[in-house]
Amino acid sequence: VPGAVALVARNGKIVFHKAYGMADNESGREMKKDDI
């Protein structure tokens, strides 16, 4: 995969929320947690 955002929550609490890789490889833009 070029990139991903993963989120895990339990009991209304976010306990895992991370971004990986690239949002756009050609421009070199890194993935961020709040990407759309």
PDB file of all heavy atoms in Angstrom:
ATOM      1  N   VAL A   1       0.864  -1.184   0.000  1.00  0.00           N
ATOM      2  CA  VAL A   1       0.000   0.000   0.000  1.00  0.00           C
ATOM      3  C   VAL A   1       0.899   1.231   0.000  1.00  0.00           C
ATOM      4  O   VAL A   1       2.012   1.196   0.530  1.00  0.00           O
ATOM      5  CB  VAL A   1      -0.947   0.048   1.227  1.00  0.00           C
ATOM      6  CG1 VAL A   1      -1.919  -1.115   1.209  1.00  0.00           C
ATOM      7  CG2 VAL A   1      -0.166   0.078   2.527  1.00  0.00           C
ATOM      8  N   PRO A   2       0.443   2.340  -0.601  1.00  0.00           N
ATOM      9  CA  PRO A   2       1.258   3.553  -0.567  1.00  0.00           C
ATOM     10  C   PRO A   2       1.202   4.270   0.774  1.00  0.00           C
ATOM     11  O   PRO A   2       2.154   4.939   1.179  1.00  0.00           O
ATOM     12  CB  PRO A   2       0.651   4.409  -1.669  1.00  0.00           C
ATOM     13  CG  PRO A   2      -0.767   3.952  -1.776  1.00  0.00           C
ATOM     14  CD  PRO A   2      -0.760   2.490  -1.441  1.00  0.00           C
ATOM     15  N   GLY A   3       0.053   4.123   1.454  1.00  0.00           N
ATOM     16  CA  GLY A   3      -0.132   4.790   2.734  1.00  0.00           C
ATOM     17  C   GLY A   3      -1.472   4.424   3.331  1.00  0.00           C
ATOM     18  O   GLY A   3      -2.326   3.853   2.652  1.00  0.00           O
ATOM     19  N   ALA A   4      -1.652   4.755   4.592  1.00  0.00           N
ATOM     20  CA  ALA A   4      -2.905   4.422   5.276  1.00  0.00           C
ATOM     21  C   ALA A   4      -3.026   5.248   6.546  1.00  0.00           C
ATOM     22  O   ALA A   4      -2.034   5.744   7.084  1.00  0.00           O
ATOM     23  CB  ALA A   4      -2.953   2.935   5.623  1.00  0.00           C
ATOM     24  N   VAL A   5      -4.269   5.376   7.007  1.00  0.00           N
ATOM     25  CA  VAL A   5      -4.560   5.910   8.343  1.00  0.00           C
ATOM     26  C   VAL A   5      -5.398   4.862   9.060  1.00  0.00           C
ATOM     27  O   VAL A   5      -6.389   4.368   8.515  1.00  0.00           O
ATOM     28  CB  VAL A   5      -5.312   7.248   8.291  1.00  0.00           C
ATOM     29  CG1 VAL A   5      -5.788   7.663   9.685  1.00  0.00           C
ATOM     30  CG2 VAL A   5      -4.422   8.331   7.693  1.00  0.00           C
ATOM     31  N   ALA A   6      -4.987   4.500  10.268  1.00  0.00           N
ATOM     32  CA  ALA A   6      -5.707   3.506  11.065  1.00  0.00           C
ATOM     33  C   ALA A   6      -6.175   4.138  12.364  1.00  0.00           C
ATOM     34  O   ALA A   6      -5.463   4.955  12.965  1.00  0.00           O
ATOM     35  CB  ALA A   6      -4.809   2.308  11.375  1.00  0.00           C
ATOM     36  N   LEU A   7      -7.373   3.749  12.786  1.00  0.00           N
ATOM     37  CA  LEU A   7      -7.942   4.251  14.042  1.00  0.00           C
ATOM     38  C   LEU A   7      -8.641   3.113  14.766  1.00  0.00           C
ATOM     39  O   LEU A   7      -9.377   2.337  14.152  1.00  0.00           O
ATOM     40  CB  LEU A   7      -8.917   5.390  13.769  1.00  0.00           C
ATOM     41  CG  LEU A   7      -9.554   6.082  14.978  1.00  0.00           C
ATOM     42  CD1 LEU A   7      -9.848   7.556  14.673  1.00  0.00           C
ATOM     43  CD2 LEU A   7     -10.841   5.396  15.433  1.00  0.00           C
ATOM     44  N   VAL A   8      -8.394   3.043  16.081  1.00  0.00           N
ATOM     45  CA  VAL A   8      -9.080   2.091  16.943  1.00  0.00           C
ATOM     46  C   VAL A   8      -9.628   2.860  18.145  1.00  0.00           C
ATOM     47  O   VAL A   8      -8.919   3.684  18.739  1.00  0.00           O
ATOM     48  CB  VAL A   8      -8.143   0.972  17.440  1.00  0.00           C
ATOM     49  CG1 VAL A   8      -8.901  -0.006  18.345  1.00  0.00           C
ATOM     50  CG2 VAL A   8      -7.502   0.233  16.264  1.00  0.00           C
ATOM     51  N   ALA A   9     -10.889   2.619  18.471  1.00  0.00           N
ATOM     52  CA  ALA A   9     -11.500   3.258  19.640  1.00  0.00           C
ATOM     53  C   ALA A   9     -12.257   2.210  20.442  1.00  0.00           C
ATOM     54  O   ALA A   9     -12.780   1.238  19.879  1.00  0.00           O
ATOM     55  CB  ALA A   9     -12.442   4.381  19.215  1.00  0.00           C
ATOM     56  N   ARG A  10     -12.291   2.426  21.745  1.00  0.00           N
ATOM     57  CA  ARG A  10     -13.111   1.575  22.612  1.00  0.00           C
ATOM     58  C   ARG A  10     -13.722   2.427  23.711  1.00  0.00           C
ATOM     59  O   ARG A  10     -13.059   3.307  24.268  1.00  0.00           O
ATOM     60  CB  ARG A  10     -12.284   0.448  23.232  1.00  0.00           C
ATOM     61  CG  ARG A  10     -13.171  -0.630  23.879  1.00  0.00           C
ATOM     62  CD  ARG A  10     -12.385  -1.746  24.514  1.00  0.00           C
ATOM     63  NE  ARG A  10     -13.234  -2.930  24.676  1.00  0.00           N
ATOM     64  CZ  ARG A  10     -12.932  -3.966  25.453  1.00  0.00           C
ATOM     65  NH1 ARG A  10     -11.793  -3.981  26.143  1.00  0.00           N
ATOM     66  NH2 ARG A  10     -13.761  -4.989  25.545  1.00  0.00           N
ATOM     67  N   ASN A  11     -14.982   2.158  24.012  1.00  0.00           N
ATOM     68  CA  ASN A  11     -15.699   2.879  25.064  1.00  0.00           C
ATOM     69  C   ASN A  11     -15.628   4.396  24.879  1.00  0.00           C
ATOM     70  O   ASN A  11     -15.515   5.156  25.839  1.00  0.00           O
ATOM     71  CB  ASN A  11     -15.158   2.501  26.444  1.00  0.00           C
ATOM     72  CG  ASN A  11     -15.342   1.028  26.763  1.00  0.00           C
ATOM     73  OD1 ASN A  11     -16.168   0.351  26.159  1.00  0.00           O
ATOM     74  ND2 ASN A  11     -14.564   0.526  27.704  1.00  0.00           N
ATOM     75  N   GLY A  12     -15.676   4.811  23.619  1.00  0.00           N
ATOM     76  CA  GLY A  12     -15.662   6.239  23.327  1.00  0.00           C
ATOM     77  C   GLY A  12     -14.303   6.893  23.432  1.00  0.00           C
ATOM     78  O   GLY A  12     -14.212   8.128  23.399  1.00  0.00           O
ATOM     79  N   LYS A  13     -13.238   6.093  23.500  1.00  0.00           N
ATOM     80  CA  LYS A  13     -11.884   6.620  23.615  1.00  0.00           C
ATOM     81  C   LYS A  13     -11.029   6.128  22.453  1.00  0.00           C
ATOM     82  O   LYS A  13     -10.958   4.921  22.195  1.00  0.00           O
ATOM     83  CB  LYS A  13     -11.243   6.178  24.938  1.00  0.00           C
ATOM     84  CG  LYS A  13     -12.009   6.596  26.179  1.00  0.00           C
ATOM     85  CD  LYS A  13     -12.048   8.116  26.344  1.00  0.00           C
ATOM     86  CE  LYS A  13     -12.761   8.518  27.620  1.00  0.00           C
ATOM     87  NZ  LYS A  13     -12.850  10.006  27.763  1.00  0.00           N
ATOM     88  N   ILE A  14     -10.390   7.049  21.779  1.00  0.00           N
ATOM     89  CA  ILE A  14      -9.466   6.690  20.705  1.00  0.00           C
ATOM     90  C   ILE A  14      -8.149   6.261  21.336  1.00  0.00           C
ATOM     91  O   ILE A  14      -7.504   7.032  22.046  1.00  0.00           O
ATOM     92  CB  ILE A  14      -9.242   7.873  19.750  1.00  0.00           C
ATOM     93  CG1 ILE A  14     -10.557   8.256  19.062  1.00  0.00           C
ATOM     94  CG2 ILE A  14      -8.175   7.534  18.712  1.00  0.00           C
ATOM     95  CD1 ILE A  14     -10.466   9.542  18.258  1.00  0.00           C
ATOM     96  N   VAL A  15      -7.751   5.032  21.068  1.00  0.00           N
ATOM     97  CA  VAL A  15      -6.537   4.494  21.694  1.00  0.00           C
ATOM     98  C   VAL A  15      -5.429   4.232  20.672  1.00  0.00           C
ATOM     99  O   VAL A  15      -4.288   3.939  21.048  1.00  0.00           O
ATOM    100  CB  VAL A  15      -6.850   3.192  22.460  1.00  0.00           C
ATOM    101  CG1 VAL A  15      -7.821   3.472  23.596  1.00  0.00           C
ATOM    102  CG2 VAL A  15      -7.402   2.116  21.532  1.00  0.00           C
ATOM    103  N   PHE A  16      -5.763   4.324  19.396  1.00  0.00           N
ATOM    104  CA  PHE A  16      -4.771   4.110  18.337  1.00  0.00           C
ATOM    105  C   PHE A  16      -5.222   4.932  17.144  1.00  0.00           C
ATOM    106  O   PHE A  16      -6.324   4.745  16.623  1.00  0.00           O
ATOM    107  CB  PHE A  16      -4.720   2.621  17.973  1.00  0.00           C
ATOM    108  CG  PHE A  16      -3.601   2.249  17.020  1.00  0.00           C
ATOM    109  CD1 PHE A  16      -2.403   1.743  17.487  1.00  0.00           C
ATOM    110  CD2 PHE A  16      -3.762   2.403  15.644  1.00  0.00           C
ATOM    111  CE1 PHE A  16      -1.381   1.396  16.611  1.00  0.00           C
ATOM    112  CE2 PHE A  16      -2.750   2.068  14.761  1.00  0.00           C
ATOM    113  CZ  PHE A  16      -1.548   1.558  15.244  1.00  0.00           C
ATOM    114  N   HIS A  17      -4.369   5.834  16.691  1.00  0.00           N
ATOM    115  CA  HIS A  17      -4.714   6.689  15.546  1.00  0.00           C
ATOM    116  C   HIS A  17      -3.406   7.146  14.918  1.00  0.00           C
ATOM    117  O   HIS A  17      -2.742   8.050  15.425  1.00  0.00           O
ATOM    118  CB  HIS A  17      -5.547   7.886  16.011  1.00  0.00           C
ATOM    119  CG  HIS A  17      -6.111   8.696  14.875  1.00  0.00           C
ATOM    120  ND1 HIS A  17      -6.637   9.962  15.053  1.00  0.00           N
ATOM    121  CD2 HIS A  17      -6.243   8.434  13.541  1.00  0.00           C
ATOM    122  CE1 HIS A  17      -7.075  10.424  13.901  1.00  0.00           C
ATOM    123  NE2 HIS A  17      -6.836   9.515  12.968  1.00  0.00           N
ATOM    124  N   LYS A  18      -3.016   6.487  13.830  1.00  0.00           N
ATOM    125  CA  LYS A  18      -1.715   6.751  13.222  1.00  0.00           C
ATOM    126  C   LYS A  18      -1.807   6.799  11.698  1.00  0.00           C
ATOM    127  O   LYS A  18      -2.690   6.191  11.098  1.00  0.00           O
ATOM    128  CB  LYS A  18      -0.709   5.679  13.636  1.00  0.00           C
ATOM    129  CG  LYS A  18      -0.375   5.677  15.121  1.00  0.00           C
ATOM    130  CD  LYS A  18       0.746   4.711  15.442  1.00  0.00           C
ATOM    131  CE  LYS A  18       1.108   4.747  16.921  1.00  0.00           C
ATOM    132  NZ  LYS A  18       2.250   3.856  17.237  1.00  0.00           N
ATOM    133  N   ALA A  19      -0.873   7.528  11.125  1.00  0.00           N
ATOM    134  CA  ALA A  19      -0.761   7.638   9.671  1.00  0.00           C
ATOM    135  C   ALA A  19       0.525   6.973   9.211  1.00  0.00           C
ATOM    136  O   ALA A  19       1.543   6.989   9.915  1.00  0.00           O
ATOM    137  CB  ALA A  19      -0.771   9.106   9.261  1.00  0.00           C
ATOM    138  N   TYR A  20       0.461   6.400   8.008  1.00  0.00           N
ATOM    139  CA  TYR A  20       1.594   5.651   7.461  1.00  0.00           C
ATOM    140  C   TYR A  20       1.808   6.018   5.999  1.00  0.00           C
ATOM    141  O   TYR A  20       0.850   6.230   5.256  1.00  0.00           O
ATOM    142  CB  TYR A  20       1.330   4.140   7.555  1.00  0.00           C
ATOM    143  CG  TYR A  20       1.102   3.653   8.954  1.00  0.00           C
ATOM    144  CD1 TYR A  20      -0.175   3.713   9.509  1.00  0.00           C
ATOM    145  CD2 TYR A  20       2.143   3.174   9.737  1.00  0.00           C
ATOM    146  CE1 TYR A  20      -0.401   3.281  10.806  1.00  0.00           C
ATOM    147  CE2 TYR A  20       1.931   2.741  11.034  1.00  0.00           C
ATOM    148  CZ  TYR A  20       0.664   2.795  11.565  1.00  0.00           C
ATOM    149  OH  TYR A  20       0.445   2.382  12.855  1.00  0.00           O
ATOM    150  N   GLY A  21       3.069   6.055   5.589  1.00  0.00           N
ATOM    151  CA  GLY A  21       3.386   6.184   4.178  1.00  0.00           C
ATOM    152  C   GLY A  21       3.031   7.529   3.581  1.00  0.00           C
ATOM    153  O   GLY A  21       3.081   8.571   4.232  1.00  0.00           O
ATOM    154  N   MET A  22       2.621   7.474   2.315  1.00  0.00           N
ATOM    155  CA  MET A  22       2.412   8.675   1.530  1.00  0.00           C
ATOM    156  C   MET A  22       0.942   8.902   1.175  1.00  0.00           C
ATOM    157  O   MET A  22       0.227   7.964   0.831  1.00  0.00           O
ATOM    158  CB  MET A  22       3.221   8.599   0.231  1.00  0.00           C
ATOM    159  CG  MET A  22       4.725   8.599   0.433  1.00  0.00           C
ATOM    160  SD  MET A  22       5.316  10.228   0.975  1.00  0.00           S
ATOM    161  CE  MET A  22       7.076   9.868   1.149  1.00  0.00           C
ATOM    162  N   ALA A  23       0.546  10.154   1.229  1.00  0.00           N
ATOM    163  CA  ALA A  23      -0.763  10.549   0.710  1.00  0.00           C
ATOM    164  C   ALA A  23      -0.701  10.732  -0.800  1.00  0.00           C
ATOM    165  O   ALA A  23      -1.705  10.590  -1.497  1.00  0.00           O
ATOM    166  CB  ALA A  23      -1.231  11.841   1.370  1.00  0.00           C
ATOM    167  N   ASP A  24       0.495  11.052  -1.302  1.00  0.00           N
ATOM    168  CA  ASP A  24       0.716  11.187  -2.744  1.00  0.00           C
ATOM    169  C   ASP A  24       2.201  10.948  -3.001  1.00  0.00           C
ATOM    170  O   ASP A  24       3.046  11.779  -2.635  1.00  0.00           O
ATOM    171  CB  ASP A  24       0.303  12.575  -3.222  1.00  0.00           C
ATOM    172  CG  ASP A  24       0.474  12.735  -4.727  1.00  0.00           C
ATOM    173  OD1 ASP A  24      -0.423  12.306  -5.470  1.00  0.00           O
ATOM    174  OD2 ASP A  24       1.533  13.265  -5.146  1.00  0.00           O
ATOM    175  N   ASN A  25       2.517   9.815  -3.616  1.00  0.00           N
ATOM    176  CA  ASN A  25       3.917   9.450  -3.808  1.00  0.00           C
ATOM    177  C   ASN A  25       4.622  10.338  -4.822  1.00  0.00           C
ATOM    178  O   ASN A  25       5.822  10.639  -4.670  1.00  0.00           O
ATOM    179  CB  ASN A  25       4.015   7.981  -4.238  1.00  0.00           C
ATOM    180  CG  ASN A  25       3.754   7.032  -3.096  1.00  0.00           C
ATOM    181  OD1 ASN A  25       2.720   7.114  -2.444  1.00  0.00           O
ATOM    182  ND2 ASN A  25       4.683   6.120  -2.841  1.00  0.00           N
ATOM    183  N   GLU A  26       3.913  10.744  -5.873  1.00  0.00           N
ATOM    184  CA  GLU A  26       4.560  11.530  -6.916  1.00  0.00           C
ATOM    185  C   GLU A  26       5.061  12.874  -6.404  1.00  0.00           C
ATOM    186  O   GLU A  26       6.121  13.361  -6.831  1.00  0.00           O
ATOM    187  CB  GLU A  26       3.605  11.720  -8.094  1.00  0.00           C
ATOM    188  CG  GLU A  26       3.325  10.431  -8.856  1.00  0.00           C
ATOM    189  CD  GLU A  26       2.424  10.647 -10.068  1.00  0.00           C
ATOM    190  OE1 GLU A  26       2.246  11.816 -10.491  1.00  0.00           O
ATOM    191  OE2 GLU A  26       1.908   9.659 -10.596  1.00  0.00           O
ATOM    192  N   SER A  27       4.325  13.490  -5.490  1.00  0.00           N
ATOM    193  CA  SER A  27       4.750  14.777  -4.936  1.00  0.00           C
ATOM    194  C   SER A  27       5.521  14.628  -3.632  1.00  0.00           C
ATOM    195  O   SER A  27       6.069  15.604  -3.125  1.00  0.00           O
ATOM    196  CB  SER A  27       3.531  15.673  -4.698  1.00  0.00           C
ATOM    197  OG  SER A  27       2.708  15.134  -3.678  1.00  0.00           O
ATOM    198  N   GLY A  28       5.555  13.408  -3.092  1.00  0.00           N
ATOM    199  CA  GLY A  28       6.256  13.173  -1.830  1.00  0.00           C
ATOM    200  C   GLY A  28       5.504  13.656  -0.611  1.00  0.00           C
ATOM    201  O   GLY A  28       6.099  13.857   0.454  1.00  0.00           O
ATOM    202  N   ARG A  29       4.179  13.832  -0.729  1.00  0.00           N
ATOM    203  CA  ARG A  29       3.402  14.303   0.430  1.00  0.00           C
ATOM    204  C   ARG A  29       3.125  13.152   1.374  1.00  0.00           C
ATOM    205  O   ARG A  29       2.500  12.158   1.011  1.00  0.00           O
ATOM    206  CB  ARG A  29       2.082  14.948  -0.010  1.00  0.00           C
ATOM    207  CG  ARG A  29       1.326  15.565   1.169  1.00  0.00           C
ATOM    208  CD  ARG A  29       0.172  16.422   0.715  1.00  0.00           C
ATOM    209  NE  ARG A  29      -1.039  15.692   0.444  1.00  0.00           N
ATOM    210  CZ  ARG A  29      -1.890  15.278   1.394  1.00  0.00           C
ATOM    211  NH1 ARG A  29      -1.627  15.496   2.690  1.00  0.00           N
ATOM    212  NH2 ARG A  29      -2.997  14.634   1.067  1.00  0.00           N
ATOM    213  N   GLU A  30       3.569  13.289   2.616  1.00  0.00           N
ATOM    214  CA  GLU A  30       3.377  12.248   3.621  1.00  0.00           C
ATOM    215  C   GLU A  30       1.942  12.237   4.142  1.00  0.00           C
ATOM    216  O   GLU A  30       1.276  13.267   4.197  1.00  0.00           O
ATOM    217  CB  GLU A  30       4.343  12.448   4.789  1.00  0.00           C
ATOM    218  CG  GLU A  30       5.805  12.264   4.409  1.00  0.00           C
ATOM    219  CD  GLU A  30       6.729  12.369   5.615  1.00  0.00           C
ATOM    220  OE1 GLU A  30       6.226  12.639   6.737  1.00  0.00           O
ATOM    221  OE2 GLU A  30       7.945  12.194   5.435  1.00  0.00           O
ATOM    222  N   MET A  31       1.483  11.045   4.497  1.00  0.00           N
ATOM    223  CA  MET A  31       0.145  10.896   5.057  1.00  0.00           C
ATOM    224  C   MET A  31       0.073  11.511   6.449  1.00  0.00           C
ATOM    225  O   MET A  31       1.016  11.401   7.245  1.00  0.00           O
ATOM    226  CB  MET A  31      -0.223   9.408   5.137  1.00  0.00           C
ATOM    227  CG  MET A  31      -1.668   9.142   5.461  1.00  0.00           C
ATOM    228  SD  MET A  31      -2.744   9.373   4.025  1.00  0.00           S
ATOM    229  CE  MET A  31      -2.446   7.826   3.135  1.00  0.00           C
ATOM    230  N   LYS A  32      -1.073  12.131   6.755  1.00  0.00           N
ATOM    231  CA  LYS A  32      -1.329  12.679   8.085  1.00  0.00           C
ATOM    232  C   LYS A  32      -2.640  12.117   8.627  1.00  0.00           C
ATOM    233  O   LYS A  32      -3.514  11.713   7.866  1.00  0.00           O
ATOM    234  CB  LYS A  32      -1.393  14.207   8.023  1.00  0.00           C
ATOM    235  CG  LYS A  32      -0.077  14.853   7.612  1.00  0.00           C
ATOM    236  CD  LYS A  32      -0.188  16.377   7.572  1.00  0.00           C
ATOM    237  CE  LYS A  32       1.129  17.014   7.156  1.00  0.00           C
ATOM    238  NZ  LYS A  32       1.021  18.502   7.089  1.00  0.00           N
ATOM    239  N   LYS A  33      -2.770  12.112   9.936  1.00  0.00           N
ATOM    240  CA  LYS A  33      -3.944  11.510  10.579  1.00  0.00           C
ATOM    241  C   LYS A  33      -5.245  12.163  10.161  1.00  0.00           C
ATOM    242  O   LYS A  33      -6.288  11.506  10.136  1.00  0.00           O
ATOM    243  CB  LYS A  33      -3.820  11.582  12.108  1.00  0.00           C
ATOM    244  CG  LYS A  33      -2.739  10.690  12.700  1.00  0.00           C
ATOM    245  CD  LYS A  33      -2.870  10.593  14.208  1.00  0.00           C
ATOM    246  CE  LYS A  33      -2.781  11.912  14.909  1.00  0.00           C
ATOM    247  NZ  LYS A  33      -2.848  11.779  16.394  1.00  0.00           N
ATOM    248  N   ASP A  34      -5.215  13.454   9.859  1.00  0.00           N
ATOM    249  CA  ASP A  34      -6.457  14.161   9.524  1.00  0.00           C
ATOM    250  C   ASP A  34      -6.665  14.287   8.022  1.00  0.00           C
ATOM    251  O   ASP A  34      -7.497  15.081   7.577  1.00  0.00           O
ATOM    252  CB  ASP A  34      -6.500  15.535  10.193  1.00  0.00           C
ATOM    253  CG  ASP A  34      -5.463  16.508   9.632  1.00  0.00           C
ATOM    254  OD1 ASP A  34      -4.526  16.057   8.933  1.00  0.00           O
ATOM    255  OD2 ASP A  34      -5.584  17.729   9.894  1.00  0.00           O
ATOM    256  N   ASP A  35      -5.945  13.502   7.244  1.00  0.00           N
ATOM    257  CA  ASP A  35      -6.147  13.545   5.801  1.00  0.00           C
ATOM    258  C   ASP A  35      -7.534  13.012   5.438  1.00  0.00           C
ATOM    259  O   ASP A  35      -8.140  12.233   6.171  1.00  0.00           O
ATOM    260  CB  ASP A  35      -5.063  12.748   5.080  1.00  0.00           C
ATOM    261  CG  ASP A  35      -3.811  13.576   4.833  1.00  0.00           C
ATOM    262  OD1 ASP A  35      -3.886  14.821   4.891  1.00  0.00           O
ATOM    263  OD2 ASP A  35      -2.740  12.991   4.572  1.00  0.00           O
ATOM    264  N   ILE A  36      -8.007  13.439   4.271  1.00  0.00           N
ATOM    265  CA  ILE A  36      -9.375  13.168   3.830  1.00  0.00           C
ATOM    266  C   ILE A  36      -9.373  12.130   2.715  1.00  0.00           C
ATOM    267  O   ILE A  36      -8.581  12.210   1.775  1.00  0.00           O
ATOM    268  CB  ILE A  36     -10.057  14.470   3.374  1.00  0.00           C
ATOM    269  CG1 ILE A  36     -10.174  15.437   4.561  1.00  0.00           C
ATOM    270  CG2 ILE A  36     -11.429  14.192   2.766  1.00  0.00           C
ATOM    271  CD1 ILE A  36     -10.661  16.829   4.189  1.00  0.00           C
TER     272      ILE A  36
END
